Amino acid sequence: MSNESFKKLYVDELKDLYSAENQLIKALPKMAKAAVSEELREGFEAHLEQTTGHVQRLETIFQSLNESPKGKKCAAMEGLVQEGAEVMEEDLEGAVLDAALIGAAQRVEHYEIAAYGTVCEFAKVLGEMKHASLLEKTLEEESQTDQKLTKLAKKINAQANEDTSSQEDEEDSAKPGRRSPKHAA
């Protein structure tokens, strides 16, 4: 027989994830719209579709528990989404904006990886093997998304660095009496 307070903790953590995923469903379209890179935009759109599936899996778990998924707001995701919104409001352009968006997205993915890892282990301890299987599938998808973001970041970060270096060189050469450090004697 499982400990009722541990089961309550499990349900609470699932509610937190449900809230987190629903907040992400609202944020991802905005991130996709802000993305400059076609590949990043498509990645955000694909993750939105995947996130909808994550919500459906959580709803399946809640139904089997005879519990409502509502009633809790994930403060961590709220903060991460707010940070992402702030990135989009900054005066960033091109690959630099995309690099910032990837950073915000990876913070979200790392939070989700930690949260799904936790509830997956809770499910196993509670003997909820069907739940664990559903949660492991989502955990794997979150990890794959993080890996895709890392791969894309390598390309975009290099491009952002090049764009910034070129822009600084142009700004330095446009200032009278100033020469960029690499052109200095």
N, C-alpha and C. Protein backbone atom coordinates (compact mmCIF):
# COMPACT_ATOMS: atom_id res chain seq x y z
N MET A 1 0.84 -1.19 0.00
CA MET A 1 0.00 0.00 0.00
C MET A 1 0.89 1.25 0.00
N SER A 2 0.53 2.19 -0.86
CA SER A 2 1.36 3.39 -0.98
C SER A 2 1.01 4.42 0.09
N ASN A 3 1.98 5.22 0.41
CA ASN A 3 1.83 6.30 1.35
C ASN A 3 0.97 7.39 0.71
N GLU A 4 -0.13 7.76 1.34
CA GLU A 4 -1.06 8.74 0.77
C GLU A 4 -0.41 10.11 0.56
N SER A 5 0.46 10.52 1.47
CA SER A 5 1.10 11.84 1.29
C SER A 5 2.08 11.81 0.11
N PHE A 6 2.70 10.65 -0.14
CA PHE A 6 3.59 10.53 -1.30
C PHE A 6 2.78 10.55 -2.59
N LYS A 7 1.62 9.89 -2.57
CA LYS A 7 0.76 9.91 -3.75
C LYS A 7 0.25 11.34 -4.00
N LYS A 8 -0.06 12.04 -2.94
CA LYS A 8 -0.50 13.44 -3.06
C LYS A 8 0.61 14.28 -3.68
N LEU A 9 1.85 14.05 -3.24
CA LEU A 9 2.99 14.75 -3.82
C LEU A 9 3.10 14.46 -5.32
N TYR A 10 2.94 13.20 -5.69
CA TYR A 10 2.97 12.78 -7.10
C TYR A 10 1.92 13.55 -7.90
N VAL A 11 0.69 13.57 -7.42
CA VAL A 11 -0.39 14.27 -8.11
C VAL A 11 -0.09 15.77 -8.20
N ASP A 12 0.44 16.33 -7.12
CA ASP A 12 0.81 17.75 -7.10
C ASP A 12 1.87 18.06 -8.16
N GLU A 13 2.86 17.20 -8.25
CA GLU A 13 3.92 17.40 -9.25
C GLU A 13 3.37 17.27 -10.67
N LEU A 14 2.44 16.34 -10.87
CA LEU A 14 1.80 16.20 -12.18
C LEU A 14 1.00 17.46 -12.53
N LYS A 15 0.31 18.03 -11.55
CA LYS A 15 -0.46 19.27 -11.77
C LYS A 15 0.48 20.41 -12.15
N ASP A 16 1.62 20.45 -11.50
CA ASP A 16 2.62 21.47 -11.80
C ASP A 16 3.09 21.34 -13.26
N LEU A 17 3.35 20.10 -13.68
CA LEU A 17 3.75 19.86 -15.07
C LEU A 17 2.64 20.20 -16.05
N TYR A 18 1.42 19.89 -15.69
CA TYR A 18 0.28 20.20 -16.56
C TYR A 18 0.20 21.71 -16.78
N SER A 19 0.35 22.45 -15.71
CA SER A 19 0.37 23.92 -15.81
C SER A 19 1.54 24.39 -16.66
N ALA A 20 2.70 23.81 -16.43
CA ALA A 20 3.91 24.19 -17.17
C ALA A 20 3.71 23.97 -18.67
N GLU A 21 3.20 22.81 -19.03
CA GLU A 21 3.01 22.49 -20.45
C GLU A 21 1.99 23.43 -21.10
N ASN A 22 0.94 23.76 -20.38
CA ASN A 22 -0.07 24.67 -20.93
C ASN A 22 0.46 26.09 -21.08
N GLN A 23 1.32 26.51 -20.16
CA GLN A 23 1.96 27.83 -20.32
C GLN A 23 2.87 27.82 -21.55
N LEU A 24 3.54 26.71 -21.77
CA LEU A 24 4.44 26.58 -22.91
C LEU A 24 3.66 26.59 -24.23
N ILE A 25 2.49 26.00 -24.23
CA ILE A 25 1.65 26.01 -25.43
C ILE A 25 1.32 27.45 -25.85
N LYS A 26 1.17 28.33 -24.88
CA LYS A 26 0.90 29.74 -25.19
C LYS A 26 2.16 30.49 -25.61
N ALA A 27 3.31 30.09 -25.09
CA ALA A 27 4.56 30.81 -25.35
C ALA A 27 5.23 30.41 -26.67
N LEU A 28 5.15 29.14 -27.03
CA LEU A 28 5.87 28.66 -28.22
C LEU A 28 5.50 29.37 -29.52
N PRO A 29 4.23 29.67 -29.78
CA PRO A 29 3.92 30.39 -31.02
C PRO A 29 4.60 31.77 -31.09
N LYS A 30 4.71 32.44 -29.95
CA LYS A 30 5.37 33.75 -29.89
C LYS A 30 6.86 33.60 -30.18
N MET A 31 7.46 32.54 -29.63
CA MET A 31 8.88 32.30 -29.87
C MET A 31 9.12 31.96 -31.34
N ALA A 32 8.21 31.16 -31.91
CA ALA A 32 8.34 30.80 -33.33
C ALA A 32 8.25 32.05 -34.20
N LYS A 33 7.34 32.93 -33.87
CA LYS A 33 7.16 34.16 -34.64
C LYS A 33 8.39 35.06 -34.54
N ALA A 34 9.02 35.08 -33.39
CA ALA A 34 10.20 35.94 -33.17
C ALA A 34 11.46 35.37 -33.81
N ALA A 35 11.52 34.07 -34.02
CA ALA A 35 12.73 33.42 -34.56
C ALA A 35 13.04 33.93 -35.96
N VAL A 36 14.30 34.19 -36.21
CA VAL A 36 14.76 34.63 -37.52
C VAL A 36 15.09 33.42 -38.38
N SER A 37 15.77 32.46 -37.81
CA SER A 37 16.16 31.24 -38.51
C SER A 37 14.92 30.39 -38.81
N GLU A 38 14.80 30.00 -40.06
CA GLU A 38 13.70 29.13 -40.48
C GLU A 38 13.74 27.81 -39.70
N GLU A 39 14.94 27.28 -39.52
CA GLU A 39 15.10 26.01 -38.82
C GLU A 39 14.65 26.12 -37.36
N LEU A 40 14.98 27.24 -36.72
CA LEU A 40 14.56 27.45 -35.33
C LEU A 40 13.05 27.63 -35.26
N ARG A 41 12.49 28.41 -36.17
CA ARG A 41 11.05 28.61 -36.20
C ARG A 41 10.33 27.28 -36.36
N GLU A 42 10.79 26.46 -37.29
CA GLU A 42 10.18 25.15 -37.50
C GLU A 42 10.34 24.25 -36.27
N GLY A 43 11.47 24.38 -35.60
CA GLY A 43 11.69 23.60 -34.38
C GLY A 43 10.71 23.98 -33.28
N PHE A 44 10.47 25.28 -33.12
CA PHE A 44 9.49 25.73 -32.12
C PHE A 44 8.08 25.23 -32.49
N GLU A 45 7.75 25.29 -33.77
CA GLU A 45 6.43 24.83 -34.21
C GLU A 45 6.27 23.32 -33.98
N ALA A 46 7.31 22.57 -34.27
CA ALA A 46 7.26 21.12 -34.04
C ALA A 46 7.14 20.81 -32.55
N HIS A 47 7.85 21.59 -31.73
CA HIS A 47 7.77 21.35 -30.29
C HIS A 47 6.39 21.72 -29.73
N LEU A 48 5.76 22.70 -30.34
CA LEU A 48 4.39 23.05 -29.94
C LEU A 48 3.47 21.85 -30.14
N GLU A 49 3.59 21.22 -31.30
CA GLU A 49 2.77 20.04 -31.59
C GLU A 49 3.08 18.92 -30.59
N GLN A 50 4.36 18.74 -30.30
CA GLN A 50 4.79 17.71 -29.35
C GLN A 50 4.25 18.02 -27.95
N THR A 51 4.29 19.29 -27.57
CA THR A 51 3.83 19.71 -26.25
C THR A 51 2.34 19.42 -26.07
N THR A 52 1.57 19.57 -27.13
CA THR A 52 0.15 19.24 -27.08
C THR A 52 -0.01 17.75 -26.74
N GLY A 53 0.85 16.91 -27.28
CA GLY A 53 0.85 15.49 -26.95
C GLY A 53 1.23 15.23 -25.50
N HIS A 54 2.14 16.05 -24.98
CA HIS A 54 2.54 15.90 -23.57
C HIS A 54 1.34 16.18 -22.66
N VAL A 55 0.58 17.22 -23.01
CA VAL A 55 -0.62 17.55 -22.23
C VAL A 55 -1.62 16.39 -22.28
N GLN A 56 -1.79 15.81 -23.47
CA GLN A 56 -2.72 14.68 -23.60
C GLN A 56 -2.28 13.49 -22.75
N ARG A 57 -0.98 13.22 -22.72
CA ARG A 57 -0.49 12.12 -21.87
C ARG A 57 -0.78 12.40 -20.41
N LEU A 58 -0.54 13.63 -19.99
CA LEU A 58 -0.82 13.99 -18.60
C LEU A 58 -2.31 13.84 -18.30
N GLU A 59 -3.17 14.25 -19.23
CA GLU A 59 -4.61 14.11 -19.03
C GLU A 59 -5.01 12.63 -18.89
N THR A 60 -4.35 11.76 -19.65
CA THR A 60 -4.59 10.32 -19.54
C THR A 60 -4.25 9.83 -18.13
N ILE A 61 -3.13 10.30 -17.61
CA ILE A 61 -2.71 9.91 -16.26
C ILE A 61 -3.71 10.43 -15.23
N PHE A 62 -4.13 11.69 -15.37
CA PHE A 62 -5.10 12.24 -14.42
C PHE A 62 -6.42 11.47 -14.45
N GLN A 63 -6.86 11.08 -15.64
CA GLN A 63 -8.11 10.30 -15.75
C GLN A 63 -7.98 8.98 -15.01
N SER A 64 -6.83 8.31 -15.16
CA SER A 64 -6.66 7.02 -14.49
C SER A 64 -6.57 7.18 -12.97
N LEU A 65 -6.20 8.34 -12.51
CA LEU A 65 -6.12 8.62 -11.07
C LEU A 65 -7.43 9.20 -10.52
N ASN A 66 -8.39 9.46 -11.42
CA ASN A 66 -9.62 10.16 -11.04
C ASN A 66 -9.32 11.49 -10.36
N GLU A 67 -8.40 12.22 -10.95
CA GLU A 67 -7.98 13.51 -10.41
C GLU A 67 -8.15 14.57 -11.50
N SER A 68 -8.34 15.81 -11.08
CA SER A 68 -8.39 16.94 -12.01
C SER A 68 -6.95 17.46 -12.20
N PRO A 69 -6.58 17.80 -13.43
CA PRO A 69 -5.24 18.32 -13.66
C PRO A 69 -5.10 19.79 -13.25
N LYS A 70 -6.19 20.42 -12.97
CA LYS A 70 -6.19 21.86 -12.68
C LYS A 70 -5.97 22.12 -11.20
N GLY A 71 -5.70 23.39 -10.90
CA GLY A 71 -5.61 23.79 -9.52
C GLY A 71 -4.24 24.20 -9.05
N LYS A 72 -3.27 24.16 -9.95
CA LYS A 72 -1.93 24.56 -9.56
C LYS A 72 -1.30 25.34 -10.70
N LYS A 73 -0.55 26.39 -10.36
CA LYS A 73 0.17 27.16 -11.37
C LYS A 73 1.66 26.93 -11.17
N CYS A 74 2.32 26.57 -12.23
CA CYS A 74 3.76 26.32 -12.16
C CYS A 74 4.50 27.65 -12.18
N ALA A 75 4.98 28.05 -11.01
CA ALA A 75 5.69 29.32 -10.89
C ALA A 75 7.02 29.30 -11.63
N ALA A 76 7.67 28.15 -11.65
CA ALA A 76 8.96 28.05 -12.35
C ALA A 76 8.78 28.31 -13.84
N MET A 77 7.79 27.67 -14.45
CA MET A 77 7.57 27.88 -15.88
C MET A 77 7.12 29.31 -16.15
N GLU A 78 6.32 29.85 -15.24
CA GLU A 78 5.89 31.24 -15.39
C GLU A 78 7.12 32.16 -15.48
N GLY A 79 8.10 31.93 -14.62
CA GLY A 79 9.33 32.72 -14.65
C GLY A 79 10.14 32.48 -15.91
N LEU A 80 10.24 31.24 -16.33
CA LEU A 80 11.00 30.92 -17.55
C LEU A 80 10.34 31.53 -18.78
N VAL A 81 9.02 31.48 -18.85
CA VAL A 81 8.29 32.07 -19.97
C VAL A 81 8.47 33.59 -19.96
N GLN A 82 8.44 34.18 -18.77
CA GLN A 82 8.65 35.63 -18.66
C GLN A 82 10.05 36.02 -19.14
N GLU A 83 11.04 35.22 -18.79
CA GLU A 83 12.40 35.49 -19.28
C GLU A 83 12.46 35.41 -20.79
N GLY A 84 11.77 34.44 -21.37
CA GLY A 84 11.71 34.32 -22.82
C GLY A 84 11.04 35.53 -23.46
N ALA A 85 9.98 36.01 -22.82
CA ALA A 85 9.28 37.20 -23.33
C ALA A 85 10.19 38.42 -23.27
N GLU A 86 10.97 38.53 -22.21
CA GLU A 86 11.90 39.66 -22.09
C GLU A 86 12.96 39.62 -23.18
N VAL A 87 13.42 38.43 -23.54
CA VAL A 87 14.40 38.29 -24.63
C VAL A 87 13.82 38.86 -25.92
N MET A 88 12.55 38.58 -26.16
CA MET A 88 11.92 39.04 -27.40
C MET A 88 11.71 40.55 -27.41
N GLU A 89 11.70 41.17 -26.23
CA GLU A 89 11.50 42.62 -26.13
C GLU A 89 12.82 43.39 -26.20
N GLU A 90 13.93 42.68 -26.05
CA GLU A 90 15.23 43.33 -26.10
C GLU A 90 15.55 43.76 -27.52
N ASP A 91 16.53 44.62 -27.65
CA ASP A 91 16.93 45.15 -28.95
C ASP A 91 17.93 44.21 -29.61
N LEU A 92 17.49 42.99 -29.87
CA LEU A 92 18.35 41.99 -30.49
C LEU A 92 17.83 41.70 -31.89
N GLU A 93 18.74 41.37 -32.78
CA GLU A 93 18.35 41.09 -34.16
C GLU A 93 19.07 39.86 -34.68
N GLY A 94 18.53 39.29 -35.73
CA GLY A 94 19.19 38.22 -36.46
C GLY A 94 19.59 37.03 -35.60
N ALA A 95 20.79 36.55 -35.87
CA ALA A 95 21.29 35.36 -35.18
C ALA A 95 21.47 35.60 -33.67
N VAL A 96 21.72 36.84 -33.28
CA VAL A 96 21.86 37.15 -31.85
C VAL A 96 20.52 36.92 -31.14
N LEU A 97 19.43 37.36 -31.76
CA LEU A 97 18.09 37.10 -31.20
C LEU A 97 17.84 35.60 -31.13
N ASP A 98 18.17 34.89 -32.20
CA ASP A 98 17.96 33.44 -32.21
C ASP A 98 18.78 32.75 -31.13
N ALA A 99 20.01 33.21 -30.91
CA ALA A 99 20.85 32.63 -29.86
C ALA A 99 20.19 32.84 -28.49
N ALA A 100 19.63 34.01 -28.27
CA ALA A 100 18.95 34.30 -27.01
C ALA A 100 17.69 33.45 -26.85
N LEU A 101 16.95 33.27 -27.95
CA LEU A 101 15.75 32.43 -27.91
C LEU A 101 16.10 30.98 -27.60
N ILE A 102 17.18 30.49 -28.18
CA ILE A 102 17.62 29.12 -27.90
C ILE A 102 17.98 28.97 -26.43
N GLY A 103 18.67 29.96 -25.88
CA GLY A 103 19.03 29.92 -24.46
C GLY A 103 17.79 29.84 -23.58
N ALA A 104 16.78 30.66 -23.92
CA ALA A 104 15.53 30.64 -23.15
C ALA A 104 14.84 29.28 -23.29
N ALA A 105 14.82 28.75 -24.51
CA ALA A 105 14.17 27.46 -24.76
C ALA A 105 14.88 26.33 -24.03
N GLN A 106 16.21 26.38 -23.99
CA GLN A 106 16.93 25.31 -23.30
C GLN A 106 16.73 25.36 -21.79
N ARG A 107 16.57 26.54 -21.23
CA ARG A 107 16.26 26.62 -19.80
C ARG A 107 14.91 25.94 -19.52
N VAL A 108 13.95 26.16 -20.42
CA VAL A 108 12.64 25.50 -20.30
C VAL A 108 12.82 23.98 -20.39
N GLU A 109 13.56 23.53 -21.39
CA GLU A 109 13.74 22.08 -21.58
C GLU A 109 14.42 21.45 -20.37
N HIS A 110 15.42 22.12 -19.81
CA HIS A 110 16.12 21.56 -18.65
C HIS A 110 15.19 21.46 -17.44
N TYR A 111 14.33 22.45 -17.28
CA TYR A 111 13.34 22.38 -16.20
C TYR A 111 12.42 21.18 -16.42
N GLU A 112 11.93 21.04 -17.66
CA GLU A 112 11.01 19.94 -17.95
C GLU A 112 11.69 18.58 -17.79
N ILE A 113 12.93 18.47 -18.20
CA ILE A 113 13.67 17.21 -18.05
C ILE A 113 13.76 16.84 -16.57
N ALA A 114 14.07 17.81 -15.73
CA ALA A 114 14.16 17.55 -14.29
C ALA A 114 12.80 17.15 -13.72
N ALA A 115 11.77 17.87 -14.12
CA ALA A 115 10.43 17.61 -13.58
C ALA A 115 9.89 16.25 -14.03
N TYR A 116 10.06 15.94 -15.31
CA TYR A 116 9.57 14.64 -15.80
C TYR A 116 10.39 13.49 -15.21
N GLY A 117 11.68 13.69 -15.04
CA GLY A 117 12.50 12.65 -14.40
C GLY A 117 12.01 12.35 -13.00
N THR A 118 11.64 13.40 -12.28
CA THR A 118 11.14 13.26 -10.91
C THR A 118 9.82 12.49 -10.88
N VAL A 119 8.83 12.94 -11.68
CA VAL A 119 7.52 12.28 -11.61
C VAL A 119 7.57 10.86 -12.16
N CYS A 120 8.47 10.61 -13.08
CA CYS A 120 8.62 9.26 -13.62
C CYS A 120 9.08 8.31 -12.51
N GLU A 121 10.03 8.74 -11.72
CA GLU A 121 10.50 7.92 -10.61
C GLU A 121 9.43 7.76 -9.54
N PHE A 122 8.66 8.83 -9.29
CA PHE A 122 7.55 8.73 -8.34
C PHE A 122 6.56 7.67 -8.81
N ALA A 123 6.23 7.69 -10.11
CA ALA A 123 5.28 6.73 -10.67
C ALA A 123 5.77 5.30 -10.46
N LYS A 124 7.05 5.07 -10.67
CA LYS A 124 7.61 3.73 -10.50
C LYS A 124 7.49 3.27 -9.04
N VAL A 125 7.82 4.16 -8.11
CA VAL A 125 7.74 3.81 -6.70
C VAL A 125 6.31 3.50 -6.30
N LEU A 126 5.35 4.22 -6.90
CA LEU A 126 3.94 4.01 -6.60
C LEU A 126 3.36 2.80 -7.35
N GLY A 127 4.17 2.17 -8.18
CA GLY A 127 3.70 1.01 -8.94
C GLY A 127 2.84 1.37 -10.14
N GLU A 128 2.90 2.62 -10.54
CA GLU A 128 2.12 3.12 -11.69
C GLU A 128 2.95 2.97 -12.95
N MET A 129 3.12 1.74 -13.40
CA MET A 129 4.04 1.46 -14.52
C MET A 129 3.53 2.04 -15.85
N LYS A 130 2.21 2.08 -16.05
CA LYS A 130 1.67 2.70 -17.28
C LYS A 130 1.97 4.20 -17.29
N HIS A 131 1.83 4.81 -16.12
CA HIS A 131 2.16 6.23 -16.01
C HIS A 131 3.64 6.43 -16.30
N ALA A 132 4.47 5.60 -15.69
CA ALA A 132 5.92 5.72 -15.87
C ALA A 132 6.29 5.61 -17.34
N SER A 133 5.63 4.72 -18.05
CA SER A 133 5.90 4.55 -19.48
C SER A 133 5.54 5.82 -20.26
N LEU A 134 4.39 6.41 -19.97
CA LEU A 134 3.98 7.65 -20.63
C LEU A 134 4.94 8.79 -20.30
N LEU A 135 5.31 8.87 -19.03
CA LEU A 135 6.21 9.95 -18.58
C LEU A 135 7.60 9.77 -19.17
N GLU A 136 8.06 8.53 -19.28
CA GLU A 136 9.38 8.27 -19.89
C GLU A 136 9.39 8.67 -21.37
N LYS A 137 8.29 8.45 -22.05
CA LYS A 137 8.20 8.85 -23.46
C LYS A 137 8.34 10.37 -23.58
N THR A 138 7.63 11.10 -22.73
CA THR A 138 7.73 12.56 -22.73
C THR A 138 9.14 13.00 -22.36
N LEU A 139 9.72 12.37 -21.35
CA LEU A 139 11.08 12.70 -20.92
C LEU A 139 12.06 12.53 -22.09
N GLU A 140 11.92 11.45 -22.83
CA GLU A 140 12.78 11.21 -23.99
C GLU A 140 12.59 12.30 -25.05
N GLU A 141 11.36 12.70 -25.29
CA GLU A 141 11.10 13.76 -26.27
C GLU A 141 11.69 15.09 -25.82
N GLU A 142 11.59 15.39 -24.53
CA GLU A 142 12.18 16.63 -24.01
C GLU A 142 13.70 16.60 -24.17
N SER A 143 14.31 15.46 -23.91
CA SER A 143 15.76 15.32 -24.06
C SER A 143 16.17 15.48 -25.52
N GLN A 144 15.40 14.90 -26.43
CA GLN A 144 15.69 15.04 -27.86
C GLN A 144 15.57 16.49 -28.31
N THR A 145 14.57 17.19 -27.81
CA THR A 145 14.41 18.61 -28.14
C THR A 145 15.61 19.40 -27.65
N ASP A 146 16.06 19.12 -26.44
CA ASP A 146 17.24 19.80 -25.91
C ASP A 146 18.47 19.53 -26.78
N GLN A 147 18.64 18.30 -27.23
CA GLN A 147 19.78 17.95 -28.09
C GLN A 147 19.69 18.68 -29.43
N LYS A 148 18.50 18.79 -29.98
CA LYS A 148 18.31 19.52 -31.24
C LYS A 148 18.65 20.99 -31.06
N LEU A 149 18.22 21.55 -29.93
CA LEU A 149 18.53 22.96 -29.65
C LEU A 149 20.03 23.17 -29.50
N THR A 150 20.71 22.23 -28.86
CA THR A 150 22.16 22.33 -28.69
C THR A 150 22.85 22.30 -30.05
N LYS A 151 22.43 21.40 -30.90
CA LYS A 151 23.02 21.29 -32.25
C LYS A 151 22.78 22.58 -33.04
N LEU A 152 21.56 23.09 -32.99
CA LEU A 152 21.23 24.33 -33.69
C LEU A 152 21.99 25.51 -33.10
N ALA A 153 22.15 25.52 -31.78
CA ALA A 153 22.86 26.61 -31.11
C ALA A 153 24.30 26.73 -31.59
N LYS A 154 24.96 25.61 -31.82
CA LYS A 154 26.35 25.66 -32.28
C LYS A 154 26.47 26.46 -33.56
N LYS A 155 25.55 26.23 -34.47
CA LYS A 155 25.56 26.94 -35.75
C LYS A 155 25.15 28.41 -35.56
N ILE A 156 24.07 28.63 -34.85
CA ILE A 156 23.54 29.99 -34.69
C ILE A 156 24.45 30.85 -33.82
N ASN A 157 25.03 30.27 -32.76
CA ASN A 157 25.95 31.05 -31.91
C ASN A 157 27.17 31.52 -32.70
N ALA A 158 27.70 30.65 -33.55
CA ALA A 158 28.84 31.05 -34.38
C ALA A 158 28.43 32.17 -35.32
N GLN A 159 27.25 32.04 -35.90
CA GLN A 159 26.74 33.08 -36.81
C GLN A 159 26.51 34.38 -36.04
N ALA A 160 25.95 34.29 -34.84
CA ALA A 160 25.71 35.48 -34.02
C ALA A 160 27.02 36.18 -33.69
N ASN A 161 28.05 35.40 -33.39
CA ASN A 161 29.35 35.97 -33.09
C ASN A 161 29.93 36.67 -34.32
N GLU A 162 29.80 36.04 -35.48
CA GLU A 162 30.27 36.65 -36.73
C GLU A 162 29.51 37.93 -37.03
N ASP A 163 28.19 37.89 -36.91
CA ASP A 163 27.36 39.07 -37.17
C ASP A 163 27.75 40.21 -36.25
N THR A 164 27.97 39.91 -34.98
CA THR A 164 28.34 40.93 -34.00
C THR A 164 29.72 41.49 -34.31
N SER A 165 30.67 40.63 -34.63
CA SER A 165 32.03 41.09 -34.96
C SER A 165 32.01 41.98 -36.18
N SER A 166 31.29 41.60 -37.21
CA SER A 166 31.21 42.39 -38.44
C SER A 166 30.57 43.74 -38.16
N GLN A 167 29.51 43.73 -37.35
CA GLN A 167 28.80 44.96 -37.02
C GLN A 167 29.70 45.90 -36.23
N GLU A 168 30.45 45.36 -35.26
CA GLU A 168 31.36 46.19 -34.47
C GLU A 168 32.47 46.77 -35.34
N ASP A 169 32.98 45.97 -36.27
CA ASP A 169 34.01 46.47 -37.18
C ASP A 169 33.49 47.63 -38.01
N GLU A 170 32.25 47.49 -38.51
CA GLU A 170 31.64 48.55 -39.31
C GLU A 170 31.44 49.80 -38.48
N GLU A 171 30.96 49.64 -37.24
CA GLU A 171 30.74 50.79 -36.37
C GLU A 171 32.05 51.48 -36.04
N ASP A 172 33.10 50.71 -35.75
CA ASP A 172 34.41 51.28 -35.43
C ASP A 172 34.98 52.03 -36.62
N SER A 173 34.87 51.48 -37.80
CA SER A 173 35.46 52.13 -38.97
C SER A 173 34.67 53.37 -39.39
N ALA A 174 33.42 53.46 -38.96
CA ALA A 174 32.60 54.62 -39.30
C ALA A 174 32.87 55.81 -38.38
N LYS A 175 33.50 55.59 -37.24
CA LYS A 175 33.79 56.66 -36.29
C LYS A 175 35.07 57.36 -36.72
N PRO A 176 35.04 58.70 -36.82
CA PRO A 176 36.24 59.44 -37.23
C PRO A 176 37.37 59.28 -36.21
N GLY A 177 38.55 59.06 -36.69
CA GLY A 177 39.72 58.95 -35.83
C GLY A 177 39.80 57.67 -35.03
N ARG A 178 38.91 56.74 -35.27
CA ARG A 178 38.92 55.48 -34.53
C ARG A 178 39.19 54.34 -35.48
N ARG A 179 39.97 53.42 -35.00
CA ARG A 179 40.24 52.22 -35.78
C ARG A 179 39.95 51.03 -34.90
N SER A 180 39.46 49.98 -35.51
CA SER A 180 39.16 48.79 -34.73
C SER A 180 40.46 48.18 -34.21
N PRO A 181 40.41 47.46 -33.10
CA PRO A 181 41.63 46.90 -32.49
C PRO A 181 42.42 46.03 -33.45
N LYS A 182 41.76 45.33 -34.34
CA LYS A 182 42.55 44.47 -35.21
C LYS A 182 43.25 45.26 -36.31
N HIS A 183 42.83 46.53 -36.50
CA HIS A 183 43.49 47.36 -37.51
C HIS A 183 44.46 48.35 -36.86
N ALA A 184 44.51 48.38 -35.54
CA ALA A 184 45.40 49.31 -34.85
C ALA A 184 46.85 48.89 -35.04
N ALA A 185 47.72 49.89 -34.99
CA ALA A 185 49.16 49.64 -35.20
C ALA A 185 49.79 49.00 -34.01
